[in-house]
Amino acid sequence: MELTTKQSWNKNYFLAIVKSFLIWSFTLTVCLLVVGFPLVVLMATIGVLMSVVLNSVMPVSSVLLVSGIIIGGNILAVVLGAAVLTIKGVNPQEVRWLSWLHGEAQPSHSPVYACCPLTCSVTH
């Protein structure tokens, strides 16, 4: 009985860690693409310049090498960031700025429709 409880607890703990890692990976990827768009443009510009410079040294694979380094670096940064946040035990549900991820709406204002002055006082 104790062995099955222990295995069940380990399985649930492992699934919680995997879920946390996947949520962090998704969140960091979205943040990199949306919020970090200027950073992506800067990386692309530097990558183009690097491939032009490397083209004189190795003309066949300079673009492949530079794009592989940039894409690999981004993937490595997202995976390492997600791993560090998961290992530190930061739960994505505890982070205040991730309310959009959990579907918790915090409207900054309530909408006022144009027909409201005419129909808001009407009760059915």
PDB file of N, CA and C in Angstrom:
ATOM      1  N   MET A   1       0.823  -1.184   0.000  1.00  0.00           N
ATOM      2  CA  MET A   1       0.000   0.000   0.000  1.00  0.00           C
ATOM      3  C   MET A   1       0.869   1.250   0.000  1.00  0.00           C
ATOM      4  N   GLU A   2       1.891   1.231   0.832  1.00  0.00           N
ATOM      5  CA  GLU A   2       2.767   2.386   0.920  1.00  0.00           C
ATOM      6  C   GLU A   2       3.554   2.579  -0.376  1.00  0.00           C
ATOM      7  N   LEU A   3       3.935   1.490  -1.009  1.00  0.00           N
ATOM      8  CA  LEU A   3       4.696   1.562  -2.246  1.00  0.00           C
ATOM      9  C   LEU A   3       3.867   2.186  -3.361  1.00  0.00           C
ATOM     10  N   THR A   4       2.614   1.809  -3.492  1.00  0.00           N
ATOM     11  CA  THR A   4       1.770   2.391  -4.545  1.00  0.00           C
ATOM     12  C   THR A   4       1.501   3.863  -4.283  1.00  0.00           C
ATOM     13  N   THR A   5       1.337   4.241  -3.029  1.00  0.00           N
ATOM     14  CA  THR A   5       1.140   5.658  -2.694  1.00  0.00           C
ATOM     15  C   THR A   5       2.389   6.446  -3.034  1.00  0.00           C
ATOM     16  N   LYS A   6       3.538   5.904  -2.724  1.00  0.00           N
ATOM     17  CA  LYS A   6       4.801   6.574  -3.008  1.00  0.00           C
ATOM     18  C   LYS A   6       5.009   6.707  -4.511  1.00  0.00           C
ATOM     19  N   GLN A   7       4.714   5.655  -5.282  1.00  0.00           N
ATOM     20  CA  GLN A   7       4.861   5.723  -6.730  1.00  0.00           C
ATOM     21  C   GLN A   7       3.878   6.714  -7.332  1.00  0.00           C
ATOM     22  N   SER A   8       2.673   6.749  -6.812  1.00  0.00           N
ATOM     23  CA  SER A   8       1.672   7.687  -7.299  1.00  0.00           C
ATOM     24  C   SER A   8       2.112   9.113  -7.016  1.00  0.00           C
ATOM     25  N   TRP A   9       2.667   9.361  -5.842  1.00  0.00           N
ATOM     26  CA  TRP A   9       3.140  10.694  -5.487  1.00  0.00           C
ATOM     27  C   TRP A   9       4.294  11.106  -6.395  1.00  0.00           C
ATOM     28  N   ASN A  10       5.228  10.184  -6.645  1.00  0.00           N
ATOM     29  CA  ASN A  10       6.361  10.480  -7.531  1.00  0.00           C
ATOM     30  C   ASN A  10       5.880  10.764  -8.950  1.00  0.00           C
ATOM     31  N   LYS A  11       4.895  10.005  -9.405  1.00  0.00           N
ATOM     32  CA  LYS A  11       4.359  10.201 -10.751  1.00  0.00           C
ATOM     33  C   LYS A  11       3.675  11.563 -10.858  1.00  0.00           C
ATOM     34  N   ASN A  12       2.875  11.918  -9.850  1.00  0.00           N
ATOM     35  CA  ASN A  12       2.206  13.216  -9.864  1.00  0.00           C
ATOM     36  C   ASN A  12       3.208  14.357  -9.787  1.00  0.00           C
ATOM     37  N   TYR A  13       4.249  14.200  -8.980  1.00  0.00           N
ATOM     38  CA  TYR A  13       5.285  15.223  -8.863  1.00  0.00           C
ATOM     39  C   TYR A  13       6.019  15.393 -10.188  1.00  0.00           C
ATOM     40  N   PHE A  14       6.342  14.279 -10.840  1.00  0.00           N
ATOM     41  CA  PHE A  14       7.023  14.330 -12.131  1.00  0.00           C
ATOM     42  C   PHE A  14       6.146  15.010 -13.184  1.00  0.00           C
ATOM     43  N   LEU A  15       4.865  14.690 -13.202  1.00  0.00           N
ATOM     44  CA  LEU A  15       3.950  15.322 -14.158  1.00  0.00           C
ATOM     45  C   LEU A  15       3.809  16.814 -13.887  1.00  0.00           C
ATOM     46  N   ALA A  16       3.818  17.207 -12.617  1.00  0.00           N
ATOM     47  CA  ALA A  16       3.744  18.632 -12.278  1.00  0.00           C
ATOM     48  C   ALA A  16       4.987  19.365 -12.757  1.00  0.00           C
ATOM     49  N   ILE A  17       6.139  18.742 -12.626  1.00  0.00           N
ATOM     50  CA  ILE A  17       7.384  19.368 -13.094  1.00  0.00           C
ATOM     51  C   ILE A  17       7.374  19.489 -14.615  1.00  0.00           C
ATOM     52  N   VAL A  18       6.957  18.449 -15.309  1.00  0.00           N
ATOM     53  CA  VAL A  18       6.900  18.495 -16.768  1.00  0.00           C
ATOM     54  C   VAL A  18       5.900  19.552 -17.233  1.00  0.00           C
ATOM     55  N   LYS A  19       4.756  19.620 -16.570  1.00  0.00           N
ATOM     56  CA  LYS A  19       3.750  20.626 -16.922  1.00  0.00           C
ATOM     57  C   LYS A  19       4.292  22.030 -16.705  1.00  0.00           C
ATOM     58  N   SER A  20       4.966  22.256 -15.593  1.00  0.00           N
ATOM     59  CA  SER A  20       5.547  23.564 -15.314  1.00  0.00           C
ATOM     60  C   SER A  20       6.611  23.920 -16.351  1.00  0.00           C
ATOM     61  N   PHE A  21       7.451  22.957 -16.715  1.00  0.00           N
ATOM     62  CA  PHE A  21       8.487  23.206 -17.717  1.00  0.00           C
ATOM     63  C   PHE A  21       7.864  23.550 -19.073  1.00  0.00           C
ATOM     64  N   LEU A  22       6.829  22.832 -19.473  1.00  0.00           N
ATOM     65  CA  LEU A  22       6.191  23.102 -20.759  1.00  0.00           C
ATOM     66  C   LEU A  22       5.476  24.455 -20.769  1.00  0.00           C
ATOM     67  N   ILE A  23       4.853  24.814 -19.660  1.00  0.00           N
ATOM     68  CA  ILE A  23       4.189  26.120 -19.586  1.00  0.00           C
ATOM     69  C   ILE A  23       5.223  27.234 -19.655  1.00  0.00           C
ATOM     70  N   TRP A  24       6.340  27.062 -18.925  1.00  0.00           N
ATOM     71  CA  TRP A  24       7.391  28.083 -18.985  1.00  0.00           C
ATOM     72  C   TRP A  24       7.998  28.170 -20.380  1.00  0.00           C
ATOM     73  N   SER A  25       8.189  27.037 -21.038  1.00  0.00           N
ATOM     74  CA  SER A  25       8.735  27.059 -22.401  1.00  0.00           C
ATOM     75  C   SER A  25       7.809  27.816 -23.345  1.00  0.00           C
ATOM     76  N   PHE A  26       6.517  27.525 -23.265  1.00  0.00           N
ATOM     77  CA  PHE A  26       5.540  28.214 -24.098  1.00  0.00           C
ATOM     78  C   PHE A  26       5.529  29.711 -23.806  1.00  0.00           C
ATOM     79  N   THR A  27       5.521  30.063 -22.524  1.00  0.00           N
ATOM     80  CA  THR A  27       5.450  31.472 -22.134  1.00  0.00           C
ATOM     81  C   THR A  27       6.693  32.233 -22.582  1.00  0.00           C
ATOM     82  N   LEU A  28       7.857  31.667 -22.379  1.00  0.00           N
ATOM     83  CA  LEU A  28       9.080  32.351 -22.786  1.00  0.00           C
ATOM     84  C   LEU A  28       9.191  32.463 -24.303  1.00  0.00           C
ATOM     85  N   THR A  29       8.700  31.473 -25.028  1.00  0.00           N
ATOM     86  CA  THR A  29       8.704  31.552 -26.484  1.00  0.00           C
ATOM     87  C   THR A  29       7.772  32.655 -26.968  1.00  0.00           C
ATOM     88  N   VAL A  30       6.585  32.730 -26.408  1.00  0.00           N
ATOM     89  CA  VAL A  30       5.642  33.784 -26.789  1.00  0.00           C
ATOM     90  C   VAL A  30       6.206  35.153 -26.447  1.00  0.00           C
ATOM     91  N   CYS A  31       6.803  35.260 -25.267  1.00  0.00           N
ATOM     92  CA  CYS A  31       7.388  36.552 -24.880  1.00  0.00           C
ATOM     93  C   CYS A  31       8.544  36.934 -25.798  1.00  0.00           C
ATOM     94  N   LEU A  32       9.337  35.968 -26.219  1.00  0.00           N
ATOM     95  CA  LEU A  32      10.428  36.267 -27.139  1.00  0.00           C
ATOM     96  C   LEU A  32       9.905  36.735 -28.482  1.00  0.00           C
ATOM     97  N   LEU A  33       8.851  36.118 -28.962  1.00  0.00           N
ATOM     98  CA  LEU A  33       8.324  36.482 -30.270  1.00  0.00           C
ATOM     99  C   LEU A  33       7.528  37.776 -30.254  1.00  0.00           C
ATOM    100  N   VAL A  34       6.767  38.010 -29.200  1.00  0.00           N
ATOM    101  CA  VAL A  34       5.879  39.172 -29.167  1.00  0.00           C
ATOM    102  C   VAL A  34       6.573  40.384 -28.556  1.00  0.00           C
ATOM    103  N   VAL A  35       7.002  40.232 -27.330  1.00  0.00           N
ATOM    104  CA  VAL A  35       7.599  41.360 -26.621  1.00  0.00           C
ATOM    105  C   VAL A  35       9.012  41.619 -27.122  1.00  0.00           C
ATOM    106  N   GLY A  36       9.733  40.565 -27.456  1.00  0.00           N
ATOM    107  CA  GLY A  36      11.109  40.723 -27.884  1.00  0.00           C
ATOM    108  C   GLY A  36      11.276  40.917 -29.374  1.00  0.00           C
ATOM    109  N   PHE A  37      10.257  41.439 -30.047  1.00  0.00           N
ATOM    110  CA  PHE A  37      10.357  41.621 -31.496  1.00  0.00           C
ATOM    111  C   PHE A  37      11.515  42.530 -31.900  1.00  0.00           C
ATOM    112  N   PRO A  38      11.765  43.634 -31.214  1.00  0.00           N
ATOM    113  CA  PRO A  38      12.953  44.430 -31.569  1.00  0.00           C
ATOM    114  C   PRO A  38      14.252  43.644 -31.409  1.00  0.00           C
ATOM    115  N   LEU A  39      14.301  42.771 -30.419  1.00  0.00           N
ATOM    116  CA  LEU A  39      15.478  41.928 -30.236  1.00  0.00           C
ATOM    117  C   LEU A  39      15.632  40.956 -31.403  1.00  0.00           C
ATOM    118  N   VAL A  40      14.527  40.422 -31.883  1.00  0.00           N
ATOM    119  CA  VAL A  40      14.565  39.507 -33.035  1.00  0.00           C
ATOM    120  C   VAL A  40      15.043  40.246 -34.281  1.00  0.00           C
ATOM    121  N   VAL A  41      14.593  41.467 -34.474  1.00  0.00           N
ATOM    122  CA  VAL A  41      15.040  42.261 -35.623  1.00  0.00           C
ATOM    123  C   VAL A  41      16.535  42.544 -35.510  1.00  0.00           C
ATOM    124  N   LEU A  42      17.000  42.865 -34.316  1.00  0.00           N
ATOM    125  CA  LEU A  42      18.424  43.113 -34.104  1.00  0.00           C
ATOM    126  C   LEU A  42      19.246  41.856 -34.353  1.00  0.00           C
ATOM    127  N   MET A  43      18.760  40.699 -33.907  1.00  0.00           N
ATOM    128  CA  MET A  43      19.470  39.442 -34.152  1.00  0.00           C
ATOM    129  C   MET A  43      19.519  39.121 -35.647  1.00  0.00           C
ATOM    130  N   ALA A  44      18.429  39.389 -36.347  1.00  0.00           N
ATOM    131  CA  ALA A  44      18.413  39.137 -37.790  1.00  0.00           C
ATOM    132  C   ALA A  44      19.398  40.054 -38.516  1.00  0.00           C
ATOM    133  N   THR A  45      19.467  41.304 -38.109  1.00  0.00           N
ATOM    134  CA  THR A  45      20.400  42.240 -38.737  1.00  0.00           C
ATOM    135  C   THR A  45      21.847  41.816 -38.501  1.00  0.00           C
ATOM    136  N   ILE A  46      22.154  41.457 -37.267  1.00  0.00           N
ATOM    137  CA  ILE A  46      23.513  40.996 -36.958  1.00  0.00           C
ATOM    138  C   ILE A  46      23.805  39.695 -37.691  1.00  0.00           C
ATOM    139  N   GLY A  47      22.816  38.820 -37.804  1.00  0.00           N
ATOM    140  CA  GLY A  47      23.008  37.563 -38.533  1.00  0.00           C
ATOM    141  C   GLY A  47      23.288  37.781 -39.999  1.00  0.00           C
ATOM    142  N   VAL A  48      22.600  38.730 -40.614  1.00  0.00           N
ATOM    143  CA  VAL A  48      22.858  39.030 -42.025  1.00  0.00           C
ATOM    144  C   VAL A  48      24.277  39.561 -42.201  1.00  0.00           C
ATOM    145  N   LEU A  49      24.677  40.459 -41.325  1.00  0.00           N
ATOM    146  CA  LEU A  49      26.039  40.999 -41.412  1.00  0.00           C
ATOM    147  C   LEU A  49      27.084  39.914 -41.179  1.00  0.00           C
ATOM    148  N   MET A  50      26.827  39.022 -40.223  1.00  0.00           N
ATOM    149  CA  MET A  50      27.771  37.925 -39.975  1.00  0.00           C
ATOM    150  C   MET A  50      27.867  36.984 -41.170  1.00  0.00           C
ATOM    151  N   SER A  51      26.748  36.706 -41.807  1.00  0.00           N
ATOM    152  CA  SER A  51      26.798  35.788 -42.953  1.00  0.00           C
ATOM    153  C   SER A  51      27.477  36.434 -44.150  1.00  0.00           C
ATOM    154  N   VAL A  52      27.349  37.751 -44.315  1.00  0.00           N
ATOM    155  CA  VAL A  52      28.058  38.435 -45.403  1.00  0.00           C
ATOM    156  C   VAL A  52      29.560  38.392 -45.157  1.00  0.00           C
ATOM    157  N   VAL A  53      29.970  38.615 -43.909  1.00  0.00           N
ATOM    158  CA  VAL A  53      31.399  38.573 -43.583  1.00  0.00           C
ATOM    159  C   VAL A  53      31.932  37.152 -43.728  1.00  0.00           C
ATOM    160  N   LEU A  54      31.178  36.176 -43.245  1.00  0.00           N
ATOM    161  CA  LEU A  54      31.638  34.783 -43.340  1.00  0.00           C
ATOM    162  C   LEU A  54      31.579  34.239 -44.763  1.00  0.00           C
ATOM    163  N   ASN A  55      30.832  34.882 -45.623  1.00  0.00           N
ATOM    164  CA  ASN A  55      30.722  34.413 -47.004  1.00  0.00           C
ATOM    165  C   ASN A  55      32.066  34.452 -47.716  1.00  0.00           C
ATOM    166  N   SER A  56      32.931  35.384 -47.338  1.00  0.00           N
ATOM    167  CA  SER A  56      34.251  35.440 -47.973  1.00  0.00           C
ATOM    168  C   SER A  56      35.147  34.309 -47.492  1.00  0.00           C
ATOM    169  N   VAL A  57      34.916  33.810 -46.281  1.00  0.00           N
ATOM    170  CA  VAL A  57      35.751  32.740 -45.735  1.00  0.00           C
ATOM    171  C   VAL A  57      35.243  31.371 -46.173  1.00  0.00           C
ATOM    172  N   MET A  58      33.958  31.139 -46.005  1.00  0.00           N
ATOM    173  CA  MET A  58      33.367  29.858 -46.406  1.00  0.00           C
ATOM    174  C   MET A  58      32.064  30.132 -47.136  1.00  0.00           C
ATOM    175  N   PRO A  59      32.111  30.267 -48.441  1.00  0.00           N
ATOM    176  CA  PRO A  59      30.962  30.735 -49.206  1.00  0.00           C
ATOM    177  C   PRO A  59      29.768  29.774 -49.241  1.00  0.00           C
ATOM    178  N   VAL A  60      29.980  28.497 -49.031  1.00  0.00           N
ATOM    179  CA  VAL A  60      28.878  27.558 -49.202  1.00  0.00           C
ATOM    180  C   VAL A  60      27.929  27.553 -48.006  1.00  0.00           C
ATOM    181  N   SER A  61      28.455  27.548 -46.797  1.00  0.00           N
ATOM    182  CA  SER A  61      27.597  27.299 -45.646  1.00  0.00           C
ATOM    183  C   SER A  61      27.548  28.449 -44.642  1.00  0.00           C
ATOM    184  N   SER A  62      27.850  29.657 -45.038  1.00  0.00           N
ATOM    185  CA  SER A  62      27.856  30.758 -44.078  1.00  0.00           C
ATOM    186  C   SER A  62      26.457  31.089 -43.582  1.00  0.00           C
ATOM    187  N   VAL A  63      25.490  31.107 -44.481  1.00  0.00           N
ATOM    188  CA  VAL A  63      24.115  31.417 -44.072  1.00  0.00           C
ATOM    189  C   VAL A  63      23.568  30.309 -43.175  1.00  0.00           C
ATOM    190  N   LEU A  64      23.845  29.062 -43.521  1.00  0.00           N
ATOM    191  CA  LEU A  64      23.394  27.934 -42.701  1.00  0.00           C
ATOM    192  C   LEU A  64      24.022  27.965 -41.316  1.00  0.00           C
ATOM    193  N   LEU A  65      25.290  28.287 -41.249  1.00  0.00           N
ATOM    194  CA  LEU A  65      25.978  28.341 -39.963  1.00  0.00           C
ATOM    195  C   LEU A  65      25.426  29.457 -39.083  1.00  0.00           C
ATOM    196  N   VAL A  66      25.284  30.642 -39.642  1.00  0.00           N
ATOM    197  CA  VAL A  66      24.807  31.778 -38.854  1.00  0.00           C
ATOM    198  C   VAL A  66      23.356  31.576 -38.425  1.00  0.00           C
ATOM    199  N   SER A  67      22.501  31.123 -39.318  1.00  0.00           N
ATOM    200  CA  SER A  67      21.096  30.907 -38.931  1.00  0.00           C
ATOM    201  C   SER A  67      20.983  29.781 -37.901  1.00  0.00           C
ATOM    202  N   GLY A  68      21.798  28.762 -38.026  1.00  0.00           N
ATOM    203  CA  GLY A  68      21.803  27.684 -37.033  1.00  0.00           C
ATOM    204  C   GLY A  68      22.240  28.171 -35.663  1.00  0.00           C
ATOM    205  N   ILE A  69      23.243  29.051 -35.635  1.00  0.00           N
ATOM    206  CA  ILE A  69      23.698  29.604 -34.358  1.00  0.00           C
ATOM    207  C   ILE A  69      22.615  30.472 -33.730  1.00  0.00           C
ATOM    208  N   ILE A  70      21.959  31.304 -34.521  1.00  0.00           N
ATOM    209  CA  ILE A  70      20.932  32.202 -33.974  1.00  0.00           C
ATOM    210  C   ILE A  70      19.714  31.413 -33.498  1.00  0.00           C
ATOM    211  N   ILE A  71      19.226  30.501 -34.321  1.00  0.00           N
ATOM    212  CA  ILE A  71      18.049  29.708 -33.929  1.00  0.00           C
ATOM    213  C   ILE A  71      18.388  28.796 -32.748  1.00  0.00           C
ATOM    214  N   GLY A  72      19.552  28.170 -32.795  1.00  0.00           N
ATOM    215  CA  GLY A  72      19.973  27.310 -31.683  1.00  0.00           C
ATOM    216  C   GLY A  72      20.145  28.086 -30.389  1.00  0.00           C
ATOM    217  N   GLY A  73      20.694  29.291 -30.489  1.00  0.00           N
ATOM    218  CA  GLY A  73      20.848  30.126 -29.290  1.00  0.00           C
ATOM    219  C   GLY A  73      19.515  30.517 -28.690  1.00  0.00           C
ATOM    220  N   ASN A  74      18.542  30.837 -29.543  1.00  0.00           N
ATOM    221  CA  ASN A  74      17.210  31.184 -29.041  1.00  0.00           C
ATOM    222  C   ASN A  74      16.533  29.991 -28.378  1.00  0.00           C
ATOM    223  N   ILE A  75      16.623  28.841 -29.003  1.00  0.00           N
ATOM    224  CA  ILE A  75      16.026  27.634 -28.415  1.00  0.00           C
ATOM    225  C   ILE A  75      16.712  27.285 -27.099  1.00  0.00           C
ATOM    226  N   LEU A  76      18.044  27.392 -27.083  1.00  0.00           N
ATOM    227  CA  LEU A  76      18.787  27.104 -25.858  1.00  0.00           C
ATOM    228  C   LEU A  76      18.424  28.074 -24.747  1.00  0.00           C
ATOM    229  N   ALA A  77      18.258  29.355 -25.067  1.00  0.00           N
ATOM    230  CA  ALA A  77      17.889  30.350 -24.056  1.00  0.00           C
ATOM    231  C   ALA A  77      16.499  30.059 -23.484  1.00  0.00           C
ATOM    232  N   VAL A  78      15.557  29.706 -24.339  1.00  0.00           N
ATOM    233  CA  VAL A  78      14.200  29.407 -23.863  1.00  0.00           C
ATOM    234  C   VAL A  78      14.197  28.147 -22.995  1.00  0.00           C
ATOM    235  N   VAL A  79      14.886  27.106 -23.427  1.00  0.00           N
ATOM    236  CA  VAL A  79      14.899  25.851 -22.670  1.00  0.00           C
ATOM    237  C   VAL A  79      15.625  26.030 -21.336  1.00  0.00           C
ATOM    238  N   LEU A  80      16.766  26.725 -21.349  1.00  0.00           N
ATOM    239  CA  LEU A  80      17.486  26.950 -20.097  1.00  0.00           C
ATOM    240  C   LEU A  80      16.689  27.845 -19.145  1.00  0.00           C
ATOM    241  N   GLY A  81      16.052  28.866 -19.689  1.00  0.00           N
ATOM    242  CA  GLY A  81      15.218  29.722 -18.847  1.00  0.00           C
ATOM    243  C   GLY A  81      14.067  28.954 -18.219  1.00  0.00           C
ATOM    244  N   ALA A  82      13.414  28.118 -19.004  1.00  0.00           N
ATOM    245  CA  ALA A  82      12.318  27.306 -18.483  1.00  0.00           C
ATOM    246  C   ALA A  82      12.821  26.304 -17.449  1.00  0.00           C
ATOM    247  N   ALA A  83      13.992  25.725 -17.692  1.00  0.00           N
ATOM    248  CA  ALA A  83      14.551  24.764 -16.741  1.00  0.00           C
ATOM    249  C   ALA A  83      14.920  25.441 -15.427  1.00  0.00           C
ATOM    250  N   VAL A  84      15.519  26.627 -15.499  1.00  0.00           N
ATOM    251  CA  VAL A  84      15.896  27.338 -14.273  1.00  0.00           C
ATOM    252  C   VAL A  84      14.652  27.727 -13.470  1.00  0.00           C
ATOM    253  N   LEU A  85      13.641  28.243 -14.150  1.00  0.00           N
ATOM    254  CA  LEU A  85      12.412  28.620 -13.441  1.00  0.00           C
ATOM    255  C   LEU A  85      11.710  27.407 -12.844  1.00  0.00           C
ATOM    256  N   THR A  86      11.756  26.277 -13.533  1.00  0.00           N
ATOM    257  CA  THR A  86      11.139  25.060 -13.019  1.00  0.00           C
ATOM    258  C   THR A  86      11.919  24.512 -11.831  1.00  0.00           C
ATOM    259  N   ILE A  87      13.247  24.507 -11.927  1.00  0.00           N
ATOM    260  CA  ILE A  87      14.072  23.985 -10.834  1.00  0.00           C
ATOM    261  C   ILE A  87      13.965  24.865  -9.595  1.00  0.00           C
ATOM    262  N   LYS A  88      13.868  26.187  -9.786  1.00  0.00           N
ATOM    263  CA  LYS A  88      13.712  27.081  -8.638  1.00  0.00           C
ATOM    264  C   LYS A  88      12.336  26.948  -7.991  1.00  0.00           C
ATOM    265  N   GLY A  89      11.418  26.310  -8.671  1.00  0.00           N
ATOM    266  CA  GLY A  89      10.099  26.076  -8.110  1.00  0.00           C
ATOM    267  C   GLY A  89       9.125  27.223  -8.313  1.00  0.00           C
ATOM    268  N   VAL A  90       9.404  28.069  -9.284  1.00  0.00           N
ATOM    269  CA  VAL A  90       8.489  29.173  -9.576  1.00  0.00           C
ATOM    270  C   VAL A  90       7.308  28.600 -10.333  1.00  0.00           C
ATOM    271  N   ASN A  91       6.146  28.676  -9.716  1.00  0.00           N
ATOM    272  CA  ASN A  91       4.936  28.141 -10.325  1.00  0.00           C
ATOM    273  C   ASN A  91       4.347  29.197 -11.263  1.00  0.00           C
ATOM    274  N   PRO A  92       4.035  28.849 -12.499  1.00  0.00           N
ATOM    275  CA  PRO A  92       3.484  29.844 -13.430  1.00  0.00           C
ATOM    276  C   PRO A  92       2.169  30.454 -12.945  1.00  0.00           C
ATOM    277  N   GLN A  93       1.437  29.766 -12.097  1.00  0.00           N
ATOM    278  CA  GLN A  93       0.175  30.306 -11.602  1.00  0.00           C
ATOM    279  C   GLN A  93       0.386  31.366 -10.519  1.00  0.00           C
ATOM    280  N   GLU A  94       1.590  31.460  -9.972  1.00  0.00           N
ATOM    281  CA  GLU A  94       1.889  32.443  -8.940  1.00  0.00           C
ATOM    282  C   GLU A  94       2.420  33.757  -9.503  1.00  0.00           C
ATOM    283  N   VAL A  95       2.741  33.773 -10.766  1.00  0.00           N
ATOM    284  CA  VAL A  95       3.314  34.965 -11.379  1.00  0.00           C
ATOM    285  C   VAL A  95       2.179  35.906 -11.760  1.00  0.00           C
ATOM    286  N   ARG A  96       2.279  37.136 -11.296  1.00  0.00           N
ATOM    287  CA  ARG A  96       1.178  38.094 -11.462  1.00  0.00           C
ATOM    288  C   ARG A  96       0.967  38.477 -12.920  1.00  0.00           C
ATOM    289  N   TRP A  97       2.033  38.641 -13.705  1.00  0.00           N
ATOM    290  CA  TRP A  97       1.887  39.126 -15.075  1.00  0.00           C
ATOM    291  C   TRP A  97       1.488  38.030 -16.057  1.00  0.00           C
ATOM    292  N   LEU A  98       1.238  36.817 -15.573  1.00  0.00           N
ATOM    293  CA  LEU A  98       0.803  35.731 -16.447  1.00  0.00           C
ATOM    294  C   LEU A  98      -0.699  35.485 -16.375  1.00  0.00           C
ATOM    295  N   SER A  99      -1.470  36.485 -15.996  1.00  0.00           N
ATOM    296  CA  SER A  99      -2.912  36.279 -15.897  1.00  0.00           C
ATOM    297  C   SER A  99      -3.526  35.968 -17.261  1.00  0.00           C
ATOM    298  N   TRP A 100      -2.931  36.453 -18.339  1.00  0.00           N
ATOM    299  CA  TRP A 100      -3.426  36.165 -19.686  1.00  0.00           C
ATOM    300  C   TRP A 100      -3.304  34.690 -20.013  1.00  0.00           C
ATOM    301  N   LEU A 101      -2.365  34.002 -19.387  1.00  0.00           N
ATOM    302  CA  LEU A 101      -2.154  32.588 -19.659  1.00  0.00           C
ATOM    303  C   LEU A 101      -3.220  31.720 -19.002  1.00  0.00           C
ATOM    304  N   HIS A 102      -3.788  32.182 -17.911  1.00  0.00           N
ATOM    305  CA  HIS A 102      -4.754  31.392 -17.156  1.00  0.00           C
ATOM    306  C   HIS A 102      -6.190  31.779 -17.453  1.00  0.00           C
ATOM    307  N   GLY A 103      -6.392  32.756 -18.309  1.00  0.00           N
ATOM    308  CA  GLY A 103      -7.735  33.164 -18.660  1.00  0.00           C
ATOM    309  C   GLY A 103      -8.412  34.019 -17.610  1.00  0.00           C
ATOM    310  N   GLU A 104      -7.636  34.570 -16.697  1.00  0.00           N
ATOM    311  CA  GLU A 104      -8.189  35.433 -15.667  1.00  0.00           C
ATOM    312  C   GLU A 104      -8.237  36.856 -16.210  1.00  0.00           C
ATOM    313  N   ALA A 105      -9.410  37.287 -16.544  1.00  0.00           N
ATOM    314  CA  ALA A 105      -9.552  38.614 -17.118  1.00  0.00           C
ATOM    315  C   ALA A 105      -9.521  39.664 -16.026  1.00  0.00           C
ATOM    316  N   GLN A 106      -8.705  40.678 -16.222  1.00  0.00           N
ATOM    317  CA  GLN A 106      -8.663  41.819 -15.326  1.00  0.00           C
ATOM    318  C   GLN A 106      -8.898  43.067 -16.171  1.00  0.00           C
ATOM    319  N   PRO A 107     -10.161  43.327 -16.495  1.00  0.00           N
ATOM    320  CA  PRO A 107     -10.411  44.466 -17.378  1.00  0.00           C
ATOM    321  C   PRO A 107     -10.053  45.778 -16.695  1.00  0.00           C
ATOM    322  N   SER A 108      -9.405  46.651 -17.447  1.00  0.00           N
ATOM    323  CA  SER A 108      -9.024  47.942 -16.890  1.00  0.00           C
ATOM    324  C   SER A 108     -10.202  48.911 -16.902  1.00  0.00           C
ATOM    325  N   HIS A 109     -11.182  48.628 -17.716  1.00  0.00           N
ATOM    326  CA  HIS A 109     -12.374  49.468 -17.762  1.00  0.00           C
ATOM    327  C   HIS A 109     -13.554  48.622 -18.234  1.00  0.00           C
ATOM    328  N   SER A 110     -14.742  49.074 -17.910  1.00  0.00           N
ATOM    329  CA  SER A 110     -15.922  48.364 -18.393  1.00  0.00           C
ATOM    330  C   SER A 110     -16.429  49.078 -19.642  1.00  0.00           C
ATOM    331  N   PRO A 111     -16.842  48.330 -20.639  1.00  0.00           N
ATOM    332  CA  PRO A 111     -17.267  48.960 -21.883  1.00  0.00           C
ATOM    333  C   PRO A 111     -18.593  49.707 -21.722  1.00  0.00           C
ATOM    334  N   VAL A 112     -18.701  50.813 -22.410  1.00  0.00           N
ATOM    335  CA  VAL A 112     -19.934  51.588 -22.452  1.00  0.00           C
ATOM    336  C   VAL A 112     -20.369  51.632 -23.909  1.00  0.00           C
ATOM    337  N   TYR A 113     -21.511  51.074 -24.179  1.00  0.00           N
ATOM    338  CA  TYR A 113     -21.989  51.001 -25.557  1.00  0.00           C
ATOM    339  C   TYR A 113     -22.785  52.259 -25.910  1.00  0.00           C
ATOM    340  N   ALA A 114     -22.844  52.560 -27.189  1.00  0.00           N
ATOM    341  CA  ALA A 114     -23.512  53.774 -27.632  1.00  0.00           C
ATOM    342  C   ALA A 114     -25.012  53.755 -27.339  1.00  0.00           C
ATOM    343  N   CYS A 115     -25.632  52.590 -27.340  1.00  0.00           N
ATOM    344  CA  CYS A 115     -27.070  52.520 -27.102  1.00  0.00           C
ATOM    345  C   CYS A 115     -27.399  52.432 -25.611  1.00  0.00           C
ATOM    346  N   CYS A 116     -26.413  52.403 -24.745  1.00  0.00           N
ATOM    347  CA  CYS A 116     -26.679  52.229 -23.334  1.00  0.00           C
ATOM    348  C   CYS A 116     -27.541  53.318 -22.710  1.00  0.00           C
ATOM    349  N   PRO A 117     -27.332  54.586 -23.012  1.00  0.00           N
ATOM    350  CA  PRO A 117     -28.218  55.582 -22.390  1.00  0.00           C
ATOM    351  C   PRO A 117     -29.691  55.368 -22.734  1.00  0.00           C
ATOM    352  N   LEU A 118     -29.979  54.742 -23.872  1.00  0.00           N
ATOM    353  CA  LEU A 118     -31.363  54.521 -24.250  1.00  0.00           C
ATOM    354  C   LEU A 118     -31.946  53.230 -23.695  1.00  0.00           C
ATOM    355  N   THR A 119     -31.101  52.202 -23.570  1.00  0.00           N
ATOM    356  CA  THR A 119     -31.626  50.874 -23.237  1.00  0.00           C
ATOM    357  C   THR A 119     -31.178  50.320 -21.911  1.00  0.00           C
ATOM    358  N   CYS A 120     -30.251  50.938 -21.223  1.00  0.00           N
ATOM    359  CA  CYS A 120     -29.746  50.368 -19.973  1.00  0.00           C
ATOM    360  C   CYS A 120     -30.793  50.369 -18.869  1.00  0.00           C
ATOM    361  N   SER A 121     -31.677  51.331 -18.869  1.00  0.00           N
ATOM    362  CA  SER A 121     -32.686  51.393 -17.820  1.00  0.00           C
ATOM    363  C   SER A 121     -33.896  50.515 -18.106  1.00  0.00           C
ATOM    364  N   VAL A 122     -33.980  49.934 -19.287  1.00  0.00           N
ATOM    365  CA  VAL A 122     -35.109  49.084 -19.648  1.00  0.00           C
ATOM    366  C   VAL A 122     -34.887  47.711 -19.016  1.00  0.00           C
ATOM    367  N   THR A 123     -35.871  47.238 -18.272  1.00  0.00           N
ATOM    368  CA  THR A 123     -35.809  45.912 -17.671  1.00  0.00           C
ATOM    369  C   THR A 123     -36.771  44.989 -18.377  1.00  0.00           C
ATOM    370  N   HIS A 124     -36.404  43.758 -18.484  1.00  0.00           N
ATOM    371  CA  HIS A 124     -37.248  42.792 -19.193  1.00  0.00           C
ATOM    372  C   HIS A 124     -38.047  41.993 -18.212  1.00  0.00           C
TER     373      HIS A 124
END
